[in-house]
Protein backbone atom coordinates (compact mmCIF):
# COMPACT_ATOMS: atom_id res chain seq x y z
CA MET A 1 0.00 0.00 0.00
CA GLU A 2 2.89 2.38 0.72
CA ALA A 3 4.01 2.42 -2.91
CA SER A 4 0.54 3.49 -4.05
CA ALA A 5 -0.02 6.01 -1.21
CA THR A 6 -3.55 4.75 -0.66
CA THR A 7 -5.48 2.53 1.74
CA GLN A 8 -5.86 -1.24 1.74
CA ALA A 9 -9.62 -0.82 1.24
CA ASN A 10 -9.10 1.39 -1.82
CA VAL A 11 -6.63 -1.03 -3.43
CA SER A 12 -8.93 -3.99 -2.69
CA LYS A 13 -11.89 -2.19 -4.25
CA HIS A 14 -9.93 -1.44 -7.44
CA LEU A 15 -8.58 -4.98 -7.67
CA GLN A 16 -12.12 -6.35 -7.36
CA LEU A 17 -13.24 -4.11 -10.22
CA LEU A 18 -10.32 -5.26 -12.37
CA LEU A 19 -11.02 -8.89 -11.45
CA ARG A 20 -14.70 -8.62 -12.43
CA ALA A 21 -13.70 -6.94 -15.70
CA GLY A 22 -11.30 -9.79 -16.48
CA VAL A 23 -8.21 -7.58 -16.53
CA VAL A 24 -6.56 -9.40 -13.62
CA GLN A 25 -6.76 -12.89 -12.20
CA ARG A 26 -6.42 -13.90 -8.55
CA ARG A 27 -4.70 -16.77 -6.80
CA LYS A 28 -5.42 -17.30 -3.12
CA ASP A 29 -2.83 -18.77 -0.76
CA GLY A 30 -4.11 -18.93 2.80
CA LEU A 31 -4.86 -15.41 3.95
CA HIS A 32 -3.09 -13.84 0.99
CA SER A 33 -4.36 -13.10 -2.50
CA TYR A 34 -1.99 -12.69 -5.44
CA TYR A 35 -3.11 -10.79 -8.50
CA SER A 36 -1.66 -10.93 -11.98
CA ILE A 37 -2.56 -9.60 -15.40
CA ALA A 38 -5.04 -11.99 -17.01
CA ASP A 39 -4.37 -11.03 -20.63
CA PRO A 40 -0.80 -10.18 -21.66
CA THR A 41 -2.04 -7.93 -24.47
CA VAL A 42 -2.85 -5.41 -21.72
CA PHE A 43 0.88 -4.59 -21.71
CA GLU A 44 0.74 -3.80 -25.44
CA LEU A 45 -2.25 -1.54 -24.83
CA CYS A 46 -0.34 0.27 -22.07
CA ASP A 47 2.62 0.77 -24.42
CA VAL A 48 0.36 2.30 -27.08
CA VAL A 49 -1.36 4.63 -24.61
CA CYS A 50 1.92 5.70 -22.96
CA GLY A 51 3.52 6.32 -26.36
CA SER A 52 0.60 8.47 -27.45
CA LEU A 53 0.64 10.47 -24.23
CA SER A 54 4.41 10.97 -24.46
CA ALA A 55 4.13 12.30 -28.00
CA ARG A 56 1.30 14.66 -27.05
CA LEU A 57 3.18 15.99 -24.02
CA ARG A 58 6.38 16.41 -26.06
CA ASP A 59 4.43 18.47 -28.63
CA GLN A 60 2.81 20.59 -25.92
CA LEU A 61 6.18 21.23 -24.27
CA ALA A 62 7.71 22.26 -27.60
CA ALA A 63 4.84 24.70 -28.16
CA LEU A 64 5.38 26.26 -24.74
CA ARG A 65 9.14 26.77 -25.10
CA PRO A 66 10.14 30.29 -26.13
CA ALA A 67 11.60 30.65 -29.60
CA ALA A 68 15.39 30.45 -29.70
CA PRO A 69 17.12 33.81 -30.13
CA PRO A 70 18.67 34.40 -33.56
CA ALA A 71 22.14 32.97 -33.98
CA ALA A 72 24.99 35.44 -33.47
CA GLY A 73 26.64 36.58 -36.69
CA PRO A 74 30.36 36.71 -37.33
CA GLY A 75 32.30 38.87 -34.93
CA ARG A 76 31.32 39.30 -31.33
CA ARG A 77 29.23 36.91 -29.30
CA ASP A 78 26.41 39.45 -29.07
CA GLY A 79 26.09 39.46 -32.86
CA THR A 80 27.54 42.92 -33.42
CA LYS A 81 30.43 43.30 -35.85
CA ARG A 82 33.88 44.44 -34.90
CA ARG A 83 35.07 47.78 -36.23
């Protein structure tokens, strides 16, 4: 629970929803339940979604960056020419 910064009850509720939807499967061992992904294609779906989000965020970041100042011409670093 510490890694997710939430409560046991909240995690259990979400795992039950995922179990009913067929996204995860459960194996019980005494008092413990172990969950795993039921369909490995879920990982492919996650890759597609994450790739799409990364591309969108990269484009948004590029649009927010200020335009680069013009390159300095020959001469001084500030672009002015020497006399």
